[in-house]
Amino acid sequence: MAEDFEKMTVAELKVLLREAGLPVSGKKAELIARLSDAGEEPEEEEAVVEEAVVEEDDNWDDEEDWDDEVTEGHVARQKPVLDDATKAALALRVEQKKATPSFRRTEWYRYKRLSRSGWRAPHGMDNKQRKNLKYRSSLVRVGHGKVSAARGLHPSGFREIMVHNAGDLEVIDPETEAARVGGTVGGRKRENIYSRADELGIRVLNRRRDV
């Protein structure tokens, strides 16, 4: 097969490579090697795959709990108990969010530090953004507000409750509220909060995987 490729021109070799879905870049020797490999590898790969399937079928045991390694340490996330009105409000908020413009600070494109900062209301008598000129970014206004029924709710539907110790979890309703651990809480206390939350069936929204 390689001898036949040697008699062909580079243009003819590239046509064969394109038909096989292979790259066409490189010298003639590389193109010939690529075509030669493509003609031999598929059958070998299929044989290897068939052998692997046979080995898996031979070693299969229905009585073994083969999913133990996958599910070990996994904790299912709690879901909130929501009425139809709240579900509809959350869905409407998601749709409105898609149409909401991105609010940028004045001259965010000129200074990198401004592009990293959040929204700031424009000031100054001649400020182009304050004048709402067409070529400037959008202003934050009341009309961009979302559905009032879903205001303050986590995307999952829970109402967030800030906690700083395990005792703060006692007043949380697991069906409608979820915990968010404060940023100043240390690792040991955070671990206690996670353990107590699991006992009470409370979802922790900012749970760390390393704790």
Protein backbone atom coordinates (compact mmCIF):
# COMPACT_ATOMS: atom_id res chain seq x y z
CA MET A 1 0.00 0.00 0.00
CA ALA A 2 2.87 2.39 0.82
CA GLU A 3 4.44 1.78 -2.60
CA ASP A 4 1.19 2.85 -4.30
CA PHE A 5 1.17 6.05 -2.24
CA GLU A 6 4.74 6.82 -3.35
CA LYS A 7 3.63 6.96 -7.00
CA MET A 8 0.91 9.53 -6.21
CA THR A 9 1.37 13.30 -6.13
CA VAL A 10 0.96 15.41 -3.01
CA ALA A 11 -2.34 16.81 -4.32
CA GLU A 12 -3.72 13.30 -4.82
CA LEU A 13 -2.60 12.28 -1.34
CA LYS A 14 -4.35 15.29 0.18
CA VAL A 15 -7.59 14.33 -1.59
CA LEU A 16 -7.44 10.89 0.04
CA LEU A 17 -6.70 12.45 3.42
CA ARG A 18 -9.68 14.79 3.16
CA GLU A 19 -11.97 11.88 2.27
CA ALA A 20 -10.70 10.00 5.33
CA GLY A 21 -11.17 13.08 7.55
CA LEU A 22 -7.44 13.34 8.32
CA PRO A 23 -5.15 16.43 8.48
CA VAL A 24 -3.57 17.42 5.15
CA SER A 25 -0.60 19.37 6.48
CA GLY A 26 3.01 18.16 6.31
CA LYS A 27 5.50 16.75 3.84
CA LYS A 28 4.81 13.93 1.39
CA ALA A 29 6.43 11.31 3.65
CA GLU A 30 4.19 12.40 6.54
CA LEU A 31 1.09 12.22 4.34
CA ILE A 32 2.00 8.69 3.20
CA ALA A 33 2.62 7.57 6.79
CA ARG A 34 -0.71 9.07 7.87
CA LEU A 35 -2.58 7.23 5.13
CA SER A 36 -0.79 3.96 5.87
CA ASP A 37 -1.64 4.20 9.57
CA ALA A 38 -5.26 5.02 8.80
CA GLY A 39 -5.55 1.90 6.66
CA GLU A 40 -4.29 -0.46 9.40
CA GLU A 41 -5.44 0.94 12.74
CA PRO A 42 -9.26 0.62 12.57
CA GLU A 43 -9.32 -3.20 12.40
CA GLU A 44 -6.85 -3.49 15.29
CA GLU A 45 -8.86 -1.04 17.40
CA GLU A 46 -12.09 -2.95 16.78
CA ALA A 47 -10.40 -6.20 17.85
CA VAL A 48 -9.14 -4.57 21.05
CA VAL A 49 -12.60 -3.18 21.83
CA GLU A 50 -14.22 -6.60 21.28
CA GLU A 51 -11.69 -8.25 23.61
CA ALA A 52 -12.36 -5.62 26.29
CA VAL A 53 -16.12 -6.20 26.03
CA VAL A 54 -15.64 -9.95 26.36
CA GLU A 55 -13.45 -9.51 29.43
CA GLU A 56 -16.02 -7.22 31.06
CA ASP A 57 -18.83 -9.69 30.35
CA ASP A 58 -16.80 -12.56 31.82
CA ASN A 59 -16.01 -10.61 35.00
CA TRP A 60 -19.53 -9.27 35.51
CA ASP A 61 -21.28 -10.28 38.67
CA ASP A 62 -24.85 -9.17 39.26
CA GLU A 63 -24.56 -9.77 43.00
CA GLU A 64 -21.76 -7.24 43.47
CA ASP A 65 -22.62 -3.65 44.38
CA TRP A 66 -20.62 -2.17 41.50
CA ASP A 67 -21.83 1.39 42.17
CA ASP A 68 -20.28 1.68 45.64
CA GLU A 69 -17.19 3.55 44.50
CA VAL A 70 -19.23 6.09 42.57
CA THR A 71 -21.74 6.91 45.28
CA GLU A 72 -19.33 6.86 48.22
CA GLY A 73 -19.32 10.21 50.03
CA HIS A 74 -22.07 11.67 47.85
CA VAL A 75 -24.73 13.72 49.63
CA ALA A 76 -27.97 14.39 47.73
CA ARG A 77 -28.96 18.04 47.55
CA GLN A 78 -32.18 18.90 49.29
CA LYS A 79 -34.94 20.39 47.17
CA PRO A 80 -37.31 23.10 48.44
CA VAL A 81 -41.03 22.60 48.81
CA LEU A 82 -42.51 25.30 46.55
CA ASP A 83 -46.02 26.18 45.54
CA ASP A 84 -47.02 26.69 41.93
CA ALA A 85 -46.92 30.50 42.21
CA THR A 86 -43.32 30.51 43.44
CA LYS A 87 -42.22 28.07 40.74
CA ALA A 88 -43.80 30.29 38.10
CA ALA A 89 -42.11 33.37 39.58
CA LEU A 90 -38.70 31.68 39.51
CA ALA A 91 -39.18 30.60 35.89
CA LEU A 92 -40.24 34.11 34.91
CA ARG A 93 -37.20 35.58 36.68
CA VAL A 94 -34.90 33.31 34.65
CA GLU A 95 -36.50 34.48 31.39
CA GLN A 96 -36.23 38.14 32.41
CA LYS A 97 -32.59 37.67 33.35
CA LYS A 98 -31.77 36.68 29.77
CA ALA A 99 -33.01 40.06 28.52
CA THR A 100 -31.27 42.12 31.21
CA PRO A 101 -28.27 44.11 29.89
CA SER A 102 -24.86 43.96 31.55
CA PHE A 103 -24.34 47.10 33.63
CA ARG A 104 -20.86 48.60 33.25
CA ARG A 105 -19.17 51.36 35.15
CA THR A 106 -18.39 54.63 33.36
CA GLU A 107 -15.34 54.24 31.04
CA TRP A 108 -14.90 50.59 32.02
CA TYR A 109 -13.32 49.96 28.62
CA ARG A 110 -10.54 52.52 29.24
CA TYR A 111 -9.15 51.37 32.58
CA LYS A 112 -8.70 47.76 33.60
CA ARG A 113 -9.41 48.45 37.26
CA LEU A 114 -12.80 49.89 36.34
CA SER A 115 -13.69 46.85 34.23
CA ARG A 116 -13.10 44.63 37.28
CA SER A 117 -15.19 46.76 39.64
CA GLY A 118 -18.94 46.58 39.97
CA TRP A 119 -21.59 49.07 39.01
CA ARG A 120 -21.21 52.70 40.10
CA ALA A 121 -23.75 55.40 39.38
CA PRO A 122 -22.36 57.96 36.92
CA HIS A 123 -21.77 61.53 38.16
CA GLY A 124 -20.84 64.79 36.53
CA MET A 125 -22.80 67.32 34.54
CA ASP A 126 -21.32 66.23 31.20
CA ASN A 127 -21.14 62.50 31.90
CA LYS A 128 -22.21 60.72 28.72
CA GLN A 129 -23.56 57.68 30.51
CA ARG A 130 -25.60 59.84 32.89
CA LYS A 131 -27.10 61.59 29.88
CA ASN A 132 -28.03 58.13 28.59
CA LEU A 133 -26.50 58.66 25.16
CA LYS A 134 -27.15 55.80 22.79
CA TYR A 135 -23.54 54.63 22.44
CA ARG A 136 -23.01 54.28 26.21
CA SER A 137 -23.87 51.25 28.33
CA SER A 138 -27.20 50.86 30.13
CA LEU A 139 -28.11 52.48 33.42
CA VAL A 140 -29.43 50.64 36.45
CA ARG A 141 -33.11 51.52 36.74
CA VAL A 142 -36.24 50.41 38.51
CA GLY A 143 -37.57 48.92 35.29
CA HIS A 144 -34.80 46.30 35.28
CA GLY A 145 -36.10 44.78 38.52
CA LYS A 146 -37.24 41.18 38.56
CA VAL A 147 -40.36 39.43 39.85
CA SER A 148 -41.11 40.57 43.39
CA ALA A 149 -42.40 37.13 44.42
CA ALA A 150 -38.98 35.60 43.66
CA ARG A 151 -36.90 38.45 45.05
CA GLY A 152 -34.22 37.29 47.48
CA LEU A 153 -34.61 33.61 46.61
CA HIS A 154 -31.71 31.39 45.63
CA PRO A 155 -31.95 29.97 42.06
CA SER A 156 -32.88 26.63 43.63
CA GLY A 157 -35.88 28.27 45.31
CA PHE A 158 -34.55 28.35 48.88
CA ARG A 159 -34.47 31.48 50.99
CA GLU A 160 -30.92 31.98 52.25
CA ILE A 161 -30.16 32.18 55.97
CA MET A 162 -26.68 33.25 57.08
CA VAL A 163 -25.19 31.03 59.80
CA HIS A 164 -21.98 31.35 61.83
CA ASN A 165 -22.31 28.35 64.14
CA ALA A 166 -24.23 25.09 64.46
CA GLY A 167 -26.78 26.72 66.79
CA ASP A 168 -27.99 29.04 64.03
CA LEU A 169 -29.28 25.99 62.13
CA GLU A 170 -31.98 25.27 64.72
CA VAL A 171 -34.26 28.07 63.49
CA ILE A 172 -34.07 27.09 59.80
CA ASP A 173 -36.99 25.42 58.06
CA PRO A 174 -35.45 22.69 55.84
CA GLU A 175 -38.38 22.78 53.41
CA THR A 176 -38.13 26.44 52.41
CA GLU A 177 -34.81 27.77 53.78
CA ALA A 178 -31.15 26.91 53.20
CA ALA A 179 -27.99 27.84 55.10
CA ARG A 180 -25.11 29.94 53.85
CA VAL A 181 -22.01 29.77 56.05
CA GLY A 182 -20.35 33.11 56.81
CA GLY A 183 -17.01 33.81 55.19
CA THR A 184 -15.27 34.36 58.53
CA VAL A 185 -16.15 30.90 59.88
CA GLY A 186 -13.10 28.67 60.41
CA GLY A 187 -12.60 25.13 59.13
CA ARG A 188 -13.35 23.27 62.39
CA LYS A 189 -16.56 25.18 63.09
CA ARG A 190 -17.54 24.85 59.43
CA GLU A 191 -17.22 21.07 59.69
CA ASN A 192 -19.51 21.07 62.74
CA ILE A 193 -22.05 23.14 60.82
CA TYR A 194 -21.99 20.67 57.92
CA SER A 195 -22.49 17.69 60.24
CA ARG A 196 -25.40 19.32 62.06
CA ALA A 197 -26.97 20.42 58.76
CA ASP A 198 -26.87 16.84 57.49
CA GLU A 199 -28.60 15.65 60.65
CA LEU A 200 -31.37 18.24 60.30
CA GLY A 201 -31.69 17.76 56.53
CA ILE A 202 -30.69 21.36 55.78
CA ARG A 203 -28.97 22.27 52.54
CA VAL A 204 -25.75 24.33 52.74
CA LEU A 205 -25.48 26.50 49.65
CA ASN A 206 -21.75 27.27 49.85
CA ARG A 207 -20.53 23.89 51.03
CA ARG A 208 -16.82 23.27 50.50
CA ARG A 209 -15.69 19.93 49.11
CA ASP A 210 -12.49 19.81 51.15
CA VAL A 211 -14.37 19.88 54.50
